[in-house]
Amino acid sequence: MSDFKVGYARVNINPPLGIGICGYYVPRFAQGILDDLEASALALTYGDKRIVLVSVDSCEIYTELADQYRLAIEQECGLPKEAVFLTATHTHTGPLLVPVDAFEADETVIKKYAEFLGERLVDVVKLALADLKPAKMGYIVGQAPERVAYIRRYKMKDGSTWTCPPVGDPNIDHPIGEVDQRINMLRFDREGGHSVVLVNFGIHSDTVNGDFLSADFPGWMRKTVEKALDGTKCMFFPGAQGDVGSTNVHPSGGDLNDTEISFDNEMKSPGMARFVGRALAGTVLQVYDKVAYVDVDDIHVLPKEIMLPANVPAPEDLPLAHKYKELHDAGRDAEIPYTAMELTTVVAEALRMCRLEHGPMEFKMELTGIQIGPVALLGVPGELFSETGMELKKNDDWAMVLPCVLTNGSEGYFPPKSAYEEGGYEARTSQYKSGVAEVLVSGGKELLDDLKRVTEER
């Protein structure tokens, strides 16, 4: 083995009961715990260079808060903020980190939990850095099994576009887009320590529903892999999943076993989380022994700032937006003339319009590139569509590119131009103008090129 070393640690991050649950526009408060929420850290060193990859069972960590957490890790652990790759698994049954007016939740509880989470993130990084051992890395691409991932945006026979239409709706014509069924996997074997497998796949962690805290399918995947592979730990980093869910709108056979149709027309239940987690774990088990080991002769991190134009509202749209926001904040969604996912869409769109009524006209966004030998991770602080992730993976200069969403921030959806033309939840609620995905692809590829150039120059 080379000078490459890897450390690993995991900590519990369960919040107090009663805290608001993040993930929907319907207020929910934690009544219990289905399974533990956790944060895992993978520390990488080569010589005097140090990078830490952190996976957190959270729906989203907004950029301002993510920056605070990364700065705390920098101050307490002695590595630069830029070297902290902080990613939320996007579980929709995780706690709020920022107070939301409509929830009428205890602001003090949420702020205390956000502080607690920051302390636990510092702890898990310290523990991972203290666990460093000589290591080697392998990579491989697996294929997701059937009945797990589906495009959730559909063109309807009447010409409209729906995100999450009703299951079995005869008006459904065809899905808009294609699921990237590839599962990227990195395996780290450490001298005298656990092996660690890092899984990167694009699908929403939104299979549970309800008011019990849960890590969703990533928790099931982790414990299934770890039970089957003695001495191995598992981490999940979500890939491009902005338009990908786990609901089959044309179910057959046993597709509806141990699940139910949720308020937003999707197939959800603890049983659904178990199914998706076990299915993805099955792919990990299939390919685990066949990774291609590579020399890790260096590691590097490189950030890149890009500017994105804001999707500011037209003045004539604001009166209705304010009306819907006022009704929603007062808990009177029943007075808004929509139901199910249509209601979610118009509420989220109204909130976006009100939020951007006075600007800003553009947003600064930071992408993060990580080199681990011939492999690159590309961190994006929001949600990419599947087609955007596939475009970013097209790079002959790297053995593998892993697009990781909700990394070092959570700034909403980045839909492609076609989605703005078609409509649907993601484009109507995005705070960015049409063209945002294309700017991100250009910026991401430039960052990967710059990372490769820096690598070759050393």
Protein backbone atom coordinates (compact mmCIF):
# COMPACT_ATOMS: atom_id res chain seq x y z
CA MET A 1 0.00 0.00 0.00
CA SER A 2 1.07 3.60 -0.65
CA ASP A 3 1.09 6.75 1.49
CA PHE A 4 -2.69 6.82 1.07
CA LYS A 5 -4.54 6.49 4.39
CA VAL A 6 -8.24 6.28 5.22
CA GLY A 7 -10.15 6.75 8.48
CA TYR A 8 -13.80 6.10 9.23
CA ALA A 9 -16.31 6.97 11.95
CA ARG A 10 -20.06 7.11 12.53
CA VAL A 11 -22.13 8.90 15.19
CA ASN A 12 -25.80 9.02 16.17
CA ILE A 13 -27.59 12.33 15.43
CA ASN A 14 -31.15 11.66 16.64
CA PRO A 15 -33.06 14.84 17.64
CA PRO A 16 -35.60 15.25 20.46
CA LEU A 17 -39.15 14.12 19.76
CA GLY A 18 -41.61 16.84 18.82
CA ILE A 19 -39.19 18.58 16.47
CA GLY A 20 -40.55 19.56 13.05
CA ILE A 21 -39.82 17.10 10.23
CA CYS A 22 -38.38 18.42 6.97
CA GLY A 23 -39.30 17.28 3.48
CA TYR A 24 -42.85 18.39 2.62
CA TYR A 25 -45.04 21.47 2.73
CA VAL A 26 -47.30 19.68 5.21
CA PRO A 27 -46.40 20.26 8.89
CA ARG A 28 -45.20 17.10 10.65
CA PHE A 29 -43.70 16.68 14.11
CA ALA A 30 -41.59 13.77 15.26
CA GLN A 31 -43.69 11.30 17.24
CA GLY A 32 -41.07 8.55 17.43
CA ILE A 33 -38.01 6.99 15.82
CA LEU A 34 -38.29 4.21 13.23
CA ASP A 35 -34.52 3.89 12.89
CA ASP A 36 -31.52 5.93 13.96
CA LEU A 37 -30.30 9.00 12.10
CA GLU A 38 -26.53 8.94 11.67
CA ALA A 39 -23.58 10.90 10.31
CA SER A 40 -20.56 9.11 8.83
CA ALA A 41 -17.16 10.50 7.95
CA LEU A 42 -14.49 9.15 5.64
CA ALA A 43 -11.12 10.83 6.19
CA LEU A 44 -8.57 10.64 3.36
CA THR A 45 -4.91 11.61 3.65
CA TYR A 46 -1.92 11.53 1.34
CA GLY A 47 1.23 13.04 2.78
CA ASP A 48 0.18 16.27 4.44
CA LYS A 49 -3.07 16.58 2.45
CA ARG A 50 -6.33 15.81 4.22
CA ILE A 51 -9.90 15.62 2.92
CA VAL A 52 -13.02 14.44 4.73
CA LEU A 53 -16.23 13.18 3.11
CA VAL A 54 -19.23 13.43 5.44
CA SER A 55 -22.65 11.83 4.82
CA VAL A 56 -25.49 13.10 7.05
CA ASP A 57 -29.01 11.69 7.48
CA SER A 58 -30.70 15.03 6.83
CA CYS A 59 -33.12 16.24 4.19
CA GLU A 60 -31.03 19.30 3.44
CA ILE A 61 -28.39 21.51 4.99
CA TYR A 62 -28.74 25.04 3.65
CA THR A 63 -25.53 26.63 2.41
CA GLU A 64 -25.24 29.18 5.21
CA LEU A 65 -25.52 26.45 7.84
CA ALA A 66 -23.26 24.09 5.89
CA ASP A 67 -20.63 26.83 5.81
CA GLN A 68 -20.90 27.22 9.60
CA TYR A 69 -20.45 23.47 10.08
CA ARG A 70 -17.47 23.35 7.72
CA LEU A 71 -15.82 26.32 9.44
CA ALA A 72 -16.29 24.64 12.82
CA ILE A 73 -14.63 21.50 11.46
CA GLU A 74 -11.81 23.64 10.08
CA GLN A 75 -11.26 25.30 13.47
CA GLU A 76 -11.59 22.15 15.57
CA CYS A 77 -9.92 19.62 13.28
CA GLY A 78 -7.24 21.66 11.55
CA LEU A 79 -8.11 21.04 7.92
CA PRO A 80 -9.34 23.77 5.53
CA LYS A 81 -13.04 24.37 5.07
CA GLU A 82 -12.68 23.62 1.34
CA ALA A 83 -11.54 20.09 2.22
CA VAL A 84 -14.86 19.26 3.94
CA PHE A 85 -17.29 17.54 1.54
CA LEU A 86 -20.57 17.68 3.49
CA THR A 87 -23.51 15.85 1.90
CA ALA A 88 -27.11 15.32 3.05
CA THR A 89 -28.70 11.96 2.21
CA HIS A 90 -31.99 13.84 1.60
CA THR A 91 -34.17 11.76 3.91
CA HIS A 92 -37.66 13.28 4.02
CA THR A 93 -38.13 11.99 7.56
CA GLY A 94 -35.30 13.97 9.12
CA PRO A 95 -35.58 17.02 11.41
CA LEU A 96 -35.78 20.65 10.46
CA LEU A 97 -32.54 22.57 10.83
CA VAL A 98 -34.06 25.99 10.18
CA PRO A 99 -37.41 27.23 11.62
CA VAL A 100 -40.32 27.37 9.18
CA ASP A 101 -43.25 29.70 9.92
CA ALA A 102 -46.01 27.39 8.73
CA PHE A 103 -44.90 24.60 11.06
CA GLU A 104 -45.48 26.54 14.29
CA ALA A 105 -42.62 24.48 15.70
CA ASP A 106 -40.55 25.50 18.69
CA GLU A 107 -37.80 27.65 17.18
CA THR A 108 -35.61 27.05 20.22
CA VAL A 109 -35.75 23.25 19.77
CA ILE A 110 -34.73 23.52 16.12
CA LYS A 111 -31.84 25.89 16.82
CA LYS A 112 -30.60 23.69 19.67
CA TYR A 113 -30.70 20.64 17.42
CA ALA A 114 -28.83 22.49 14.65
CA GLU A 115 -26.13 23.36 17.20
CA PHE A 116 -26.06 19.76 18.43
CA LEU A 117 -25.66 18.49 14.87
CA GLY A 118 -22.73 20.83 14.32
CA GLU A 119 -21.04 19.45 17.43
CA ARG A 120 -21.63 15.86 16.29
CA LEU A 121 -20.16 16.62 12.87
CA VAL A 122 -17.00 17.91 14.51
CA ASP A 123 -16.94 14.75 16.64
CA VAL A 124 -17.30 12.37 13.71
CA VAL A 125 -14.53 14.10 11.75
CA LYS A 126 -12.21 13.98 14.76
CA LEU A 127 -12.95 10.28 15.20
CA ALA A 128 -12.33 9.54 11.52
CA LEU A 129 -9.01 11.42 11.55
CA ALA A 130 -7.97 9.46 14.64
CA ASP A 131 -8.75 6.20 12.81
CA LEU A 132 -6.41 6.67 9.82
CA LYS A 133 -4.87 3.47 8.44
CA PRO A 134 -2.97 2.61 5.25
CA ALA A 135 -5.48 1.77 2.54
CA LYS A 136 -6.14 0.89 -1.06
CA MET A 137 -9.13 1.88 -3.21
CA GLY A 138 -11.16 0.08 -5.84
CA TYR A 139 -14.06 1.26 -7.97
CA ILE A 140 -16.85 -0.38 -9.95
CA VAL A 141 -20.21 0.42 -11.56
CA GLY A 142 -23.25 -1.71 -10.74
CA GLN A 143 -26.79 -1.65 -12.09
CA ALA A 144 -29.85 -0.90 -9.98
CA PRO A 145 -32.36 -3.77 -9.99
CA GLU A 146 -35.82 -3.45 -11.49
CA ARG A 147 -38.72 -1.81 -9.63
CA VAL A 148 -36.49 0.59 -7.67
CA ALA A 149 -36.06 3.87 -9.58
CA TYR A 150 -38.46 5.69 -11.89
CA ILE A 151 -38.64 9.09 -13.55
CA ARG A 152 -41.33 10.98 -11.60
CA ARG A 153 -42.18 13.60 -14.26
CA TYR A 154 -44.78 12.59 -16.85
CA LYS A 155 -46.31 13.96 -20.00
CA MET A 156 -50.06 13.46 -19.76
CA LYS A 157 -52.35 12.61 -22.66
CA ASP A 158 -53.99 16.02 -22.35
CA GLY A 159 -50.60 17.66 -23.03
CA SER A 160 -49.90 18.79 -19.46
CA THR A 161 -46.82 17.89 -17.40
CA TRP A 162 -47.17 16.37 -13.95
CA THR A 163 -44.67 15.56 -11.27
CA CYS A 164 -45.93 12.48 -9.38
CA PRO A 165 -49.29 11.97 -11.09
CA PRO A 166 -51.79 9.63 -9.41
CA VAL A 167 -50.77 5.97 -9.58
CA GLY A 168 -52.74 4.26 -12.33
CA ASP A 169 -54.07 7.52 -13.79
CA PRO A 170 -55.31 6.69 -17.34
CA ASN A 171 -54.24 10.18 -18.46
CA ILE A 172 -50.53 9.27 -18.03
CA ASP A 173 -48.80 9.06 -21.42
CA HIS A 174 -45.04 8.66 -20.88
CA PRO A 175 -42.20 9.59 -18.50
CA ILE A 176 -40.15 12.66 -19.40
CA GLY A 177 -36.54 11.54 -19.16
CA GLU A 178 -34.48 8.47 -18.42
CA VAL A 179 -33.23 7.03 -15.14
CA ASP A 180 -29.48 6.55 -14.84
CA GLN A 181 -29.52 3.02 -13.43
CA ARG A 182 -25.76 2.98 -12.81
CA ILE A 183 -24.63 2.74 -9.21
CA ASN A 184 -21.13 4.11 -8.68
CA MET A 185 -19.22 2.44 -5.87
CA LEU A 186 -15.86 3.01 -4.22
CA ARG A 187 -14.33 0.43 -1.89
CA PHE A 188 -11.59 1.31 0.61
CA ASP A 189 -9.70 -1.61 2.18
CA ARG A 190 -7.71 -0.59 5.28
CA GLU A 191 -4.89 -2.38 7.05
CA GLY A 192 -6.17 -3.55 10.42
CA GLY A 193 -9.54 -1.80 10.11
CA HIS A 194 -12.98 -2.00 8.57
CA SER A 195 -13.33 -1.74 4.82
CA VAL A 196 -15.62 1.10 3.73
CA VAL A 197 -17.90 1.12 0.69
CA LEU A 198 -19.16 4.45 -0.67
CA VAL A 199 -22.36 4.21 -2.75
CA ASN A 200 -23.48 6.94 -5.18
CA PHE A 201 -26.88 6.62 -6.88
CA GLY A 202 -29.52 9.08 -8.07
CA ILE A 203 -32.88 8.54 -6.38
CA HIS A 204 -34.93 10.55 -3.87
CA SER A 205 -34.65 9.38 -0.26
CA ASP A 206 -38.40 9.78 0.11
CA THR A 207 -39.91 6.34 0.62
CA VAL A 208 -41.20 6.43 4.22
CA ASN A 209 -43.67 9.32 4.82
CA GLY A 210 -45.33 9.84 8.19
CA ASP A 211 -44.23 11.51 11.42
CA PHE A 212 -41.59 9.08 12.65
CA LEU A 213 -37.91 9.89 12.18
CA SER A 214 -36.07 7.62 9.79
CA ALA A 215 -32.89 7.48 7.71
CA ASP A 216 -35.13 6.22 4.88
CA PHE A 217 -33.68 3.66 2.44
CA PRO A 218 -30.02 4.72 2.98
CA GLY A 219 -30.31 3.41 6.54
CA TRP A 220 -31.66 0.07 5.32
CA MET A 221 -28.96 -0.14 2.65
CA ARG A 222 -26.21 0.51 5.18
CA LYS A 223 -27.32 -2.06 7.72
CA THR A 224 -28.08 -4.69 5.05
CA VAL A 225 -24.61 -4.33 3.50
CA GLU A 226 -22.91 -4.32 6.90
CA LYS A 227 -24.78 -7.41 8.09
CA ALA A 228 -23.87 -9.32 4.92
CA LEU A 229 -20.24 -8.18 4.73
CA ASP A 230 -18.61 -8.64 8.10
CA GLY A 231 -15.97 -5.99 8.69
CA THR A 232 -17.40 -3.53 6.13
CA LYS A 233 -19.03 -0.15 6.68
CA CYS A 234 -21.32 1.54 4.13
CA MET A 235 -21.96 5.20 3.26
CA PHE A 236 -24.46 6.80 0.87
CA PHE A 237 -23.94 9.92 -1.26
CA PRO A 238 -26.99 10.75 -3.44
CA GLY A 239 -26.43 11.24 -7.15
CA ALA A 240 -28.51 13.25 -9.62
CA GLN A 241 -32.04 12.55 -8.36
CA GLY A 242 -34.10 15.70 -8.91
CA ASP A 243 -36.54 13.92 -11.23
CA VAL A 244 -36.17 10.35 -9.90
CA GLY A 245 -38.35 8.62 -7.32
CA SER A 246 -39.31 5.09 -6.36
CA THR A 247 -42.98 5.05 -7.45
CA ASN A 248 -44.12 2.88 -10.33
CA VAL A 249 -47.22 4.62 -11.69
CA HIS A 250 -48.22 1.43 -13.51
CA PRO A 251 -47.86 -1.15 -10.69
CA SER A 252 -48.21 -4.85 -11.36
CA GLY A 253 -47.62 -8.06 -9.49
CA GLY A 254 -46.48 -7.31 -5.96
CA ASP A 255 -45.47 -3.68 -6.52
CA LEU A 256 -47.97 -2.49 -3.92
CA ASN A 257 -46.93 -5.00 -1.27
CA ASP A 258 -46.35 -3.40 2.14
CA THR A 259 -46.80 0.15 0.89
CA GLU A 260 -49.51 2.77 0.51
CA ILE A 261 -50.24 5.75 -1.72
CA SER A 262 -49.25 8.94 0.10
CA PHE A 263 -50.85 12.38 0.05
CA ASP A 264 -48.55 13.35 -2.85
CA ASN A 265 -49.45 10.32 -5.02
CA GLU A 266 -46.31 8.32 -4.28
CA MET A 267 -45.76 4.79 -2.98
CA LYS A 268 -44.38 5.21 0.55
CA SER A 269 -44.10 3.29 3.81
CA PRO A 270 -41.40 1.86 6.07
CA GLY A 271 -41.78 -1.29 3.97
CA MET A 272 -40.96 0.68 0.81
CA ALA A 273 -37.79 2.02 2.44
CA ARG A 274 -36.81 -1.51 3.39
CA PHE A 275 -37.40 -2.74 -0.18
CA VAL A 276 -35.36 0.02 -1.85
CA GLY A 277 -32.54 -0.21 0.70
CA ARG A 278 -32.28 -3.99 0.40
CA ALA A 279 -32.47 -3.86 -3.39
CA LEU A 280 -29.60 -1.37 -3.63
CA ALA A 281 -27.64 -3.36 -1.06
CA GLY A 282 -28.09 -6.36 -3.34
CA THR A 283 -26.28 -4.53 -6.13
CA VAL A 284 -23.46 -3.61 -3.75
CA LEU A 285 -23.11 -7.27 -2.77
CA GLN A 286 -23.09 -8.35 -6.42
CA VAL A 287 -20.15 -6.15 -7.41
CA TYR A 288 -18.27 -5.77 -4.12
CA ASP A 289 -15.68 -8.47 -4.85
CA LYS A 290 -15.02 -7.31 -8.41
CA VAL A 291 -13.82 -3.74 -7.89
CA ALA A 292 -10.86 -2.58 -9.97
CA TYR A 293 -8.11 -1.56 -7.56
CA VAL A 294 -6.14 1.52 -8.59
CA ASP A 295 -3.13 3.40 -7.31
CA VAL A 296 -4.07 6.43 -5.25
CA ASP A 297 -0.97 8.51 -5.79
CA ASP A 298 -2.50 11.80 -4.64
CA ILE A 299 -5.66 13.49 -3.40
CA HIS A 300 -6.80 17.03 -4.04
CA VAL A 301 -9.75 19.36 -3.53
CA LEU A 302 -10.70 22.27 -5.77
CA PRO A 303 -13.71 24.63 -5.37
CA LYS A 304 -15.24 26.70 -8.18
CA GLU A 305 -17.68 29.61 -7.96
CA ILE A 306 -20.34 30.16 -10.60
CA MET A 307 -23.12 32.73 -10.91
CA LEU A 308 -26.74 31.75 -11.61
CA PRO A 309 -29.53 34.19 -12.64
CA ALA A 310 -32.54 34.30 -10.31
CA ASN A 311 -36.07 33.31 -11.34
CA VAL A 312 -37.68 36.54 -10.13
CA PRO A 313 -41.50 36.71 -10.40
CA ALA A 314 -43.49 38.85 -12.78
CA PRO A 315 -45.31 41.66 -10.90
CA GLU A 316 -48.71 40.45 -12.09
CA ASP A 317 -48.13 37.03 -10.46
CA LEU A 318 -47.39 38.38 -6.99
CA PRO A 319 -50.92 39.08 -5.64
CA LEU A 320 -51.99 35.44 -6.02
CA ALA A 321 -48.62 34.24 -4.72
CA HIS A 322 -49.04 36.34 -1.55
CA LYS A 323 -52.58 35.04 -1.11
CA TYR A 324 -51.46 31.41 -1.33
CA LYS A 325 -48.54 32.05 1.02
CA GLU A 326 -50.82 33.66 3.61
CA LEU A 327 -53.25 30.73 3.44
CA HIS A 328 -50.43 28.21 3.69
CA ASP A 329 -48.76 29.97 6.62
CA ALA A 330 -52.12 30.05 8.42
CA GLY A 331 -52.61 26.30 7.92
CA ARG A 332 -55.49 26.85 5.49
CA ASP A 333 -54.24 24.86 2.48
CA ALA A 334 -57.77 23.45 2.05
CA GLU A 335 -58.80 26.90 0.74
CA ILE A 336 -56.25 26.69 -2.10
CA PRO A 337 -58.08 25.11 -5.09
CA TYR A 338 -55.66 22.24 -5.70
CA THR A 339 -54.94 18.83 -4.22
CA ALA A 340 -52.08 16.32 -3.88
CA MET A 341 -48.93 17.21 -5.83
CA GLU A 342 -50.67 20.09 -7.62
CA LEU A 343 -51.21 21.72 -4.22
CA THR A 344 -47.56 21.17 -3.28
CA THR A 345 -46.52 22.74 -6.58
CA VAL A 346 -48.59 25.92 -6.32
CA VAL A 347 -47.64 26.43 -2.67
CA ALA A 348 -43.92 25.97 -3.36
CA GLU A 349 -44.18 28.21 -6.42
CA ALA A 350 -45.90 30.93 -4.39
CA LEU A 351 -43.22 30.74 -1.69
CA ARG A 352 -40.52 31.04 -4.36
CA MET A 353 -42.18 34.13 -5.85
CA CYS A 354 -42.59 35.83 -2.47
CA ARG A 355 -39.03 35.00 -1.49
CA LEU A 356 -37.63 36.55 -4.70
CA GLU A 357 -40.02 39.52 -4.90
CA HIS A 358 -37.19 41.94 -4.14
CA GLY A 359 -34.36 39.95 -5.65
CA PRO A 360 -31.52 39.13 -5.70
CA MET A 361 -31.07 39.03 -9.45
CA GLU A 362 -28.42 36.30 -9.27
CA PHE A 363 -26.91 33.77 -6.89
CA LYS A 364 -23.33 32.76 -6.23
CA MET A 365 -22.89 28.99 -6.16
CA GLU A 366 -19.89 26.88 -5.18
CA LEU A 367 -19.08 23.55 -6.78
CA THR A 368 -16.53 21.23 -5.14
CA GLY A 369 -14.22 18.84 -6.96
CA ILE A 370 -12.43 16.02 -5.13
CA GLN A 371 -9.67 13.90 -6.68
CA ILE A 372 -8.88 10.47 -5.22
CA GLY A 373 -6.27 9.06 -7.56
CA PRO A 374 -8.02 8.52 -10.95
CA VAL A 375 -11.52 9.08 -9.50
CA ALA A 376 -13.34 12.41 -9.13
CA LEU A 377 -16.28 13.46 -6.97
CA LEU A 378 -18.23 16.55 -8.04
CA GLY A 379 -20.25 18.19 -5.28
CA VAL A 380 -23.27 20.33 -6.22
CA PRO A 381 -25.29 22.27 -3.57
CA GLY A 382 -28.73 21.33 -4.86
CA GLU A 383 -30.72 18.79 -6.88
CA LEU A 384 -29.76 17.82 -10.44
CA PHE A 385 -31.92 15.93 -12.92
CA SER A 386 -30.84 12.49 -14.07
CA GLU A 387 -29.88 13.71 -17.56
CA THR A 388 -27.61 16.37 -16.05
CA GLY A 389 -25.83 13.77 -13.92
CA MET A 390 -25.33 11.55 -16.96
CA GLU A 391 -23.82 14.47 -18.86
CA LEU A 392 -21.37 15.20 -16.03
CA LYS A 393 -20.29 11.54 -15.96
CA LYS A 394 -19.16 11.76 -19.61
CA ASN A 395 -15.48 12.41 -19.03
CA ASP A 396 -12.70 10.31 -20.50
CA ASP A 397 -10.06 11.94 -18.29
CA TRP A 398 -11.32 10.18 -15.18
CA ALA A 399 -11.79 6.49 -14.40
CA MET A 400 -15.06 7.45 -12.70
CA VAL A 401 -16.97 10.68 -11.97
CA LEU A 402 -19.41 10.66 -9.05
CA PRO A 403 -21.85 13.62 -9.15
CA CYS A 404 -22.96 14.19 -5.54
CA VAL A 405 -25.97 16.43 -4.95
CA LEU A 406 -26.88 18.39 -1.81
CA THR A 407 -23.18 18.81 -1.07
CA ASN A 408 -21.96 21.83 0.91
CA GLY A 409 -25.40 23.38 0.65
CA SER A 410 -28.99 22.91 -0.45
CA GLU A 411 -30.22 25.50 -2.92
CA GLY A 412 -33.15 23.74 -4.58
CA TYR A 413 -33.67 22.29 -8.03
CA PHE A 414 -31.48 22.85 -11.10
CA PRO A 415 -33.80 21.76 -13.96
CA PRO A 416 -32.69 21.60 -17.61
CA LYS A 417 -34.15 24.02 -20.15
CA SER A 418 -36.61 21.43 -21.42
CA ALA A 419 -38.23 21.19 -17.97
CA TYR A 420 -39.00 24.93 -17.94
CA GLU A 421 -40.72 24.54 -21.29
CA GLU A 422 -42.70 21.52 -20.08
CA GLY A 423 -43.62 22.77 -16.60
CA GLY A 424 -43.99 20.67 -13.46
CA TYR A 425 -43.06 21.03 -9.81
CA GLU A 426 -39.27 21.25 -10.12
CA ALA A 427 -39.12 24.01 -12.76
CA ARG A 428 -41.99 26.07 -11.35
CA THR A 429 -40.44 26.15 -7.90
CA SER A 430 -36.79 26.59 -8.86
CA GLN A 431 -35.25 29.90 -7.80
CA TYR A 432 -33.11 29.93 -10.97
CA LYS A 433 -33.93 30.95 -14.52
CA SER A 434 -34.05 28.51 -17.40
CA GLY A 435 -30.52 27.50 -18.39
CA VAL A 436 -29.30 26.78 -14.87
CA ALA A 437 -28.58 23.09 -15.53
CA GLU A 438 -26.62 23.93 -18.64
CA VAL A 439 -24.51 26.46 -16.71
CA LEU A 440 -23.85 23.84 -14.04
CA VAL A 441 -22.78 21.27 -16.63
CA SER A 442 -20.39 23.76 -18.19
CA GLY A 443 -19.02 24.83 -14.81
CA GLY A 444 -18.78 21.25 -13.57
CA LYS A 445 -16.85 20.09 -16.61
CA GLU A 446 -14.53 23.08 -16.33
CA LEU A 447 -13.91 22.19 -12.69
CA LEU A 448 -13.15 18.56 -13.57
CA ASP A 449 -10.74 19.76 -16.28
CA ASP A 450 -9.06 22.15 -13.84
CA LEU A 451 -8.79 19.38 -11.25
CA LYS A 452 -7.18 17.10 -13.80
CA ARG A 453 -4.77 19.83 -14.88
CA VAL A 454 -3.70 20.50 -11.29
CA THR A 455 -3.22 16.75 -10.83
CA GLU A 456 -0.99 16.47 -13.90
CA GLU A 457 1.07 19.52 -12.96
CA ARG A 458 2.05 18.11 -9.57
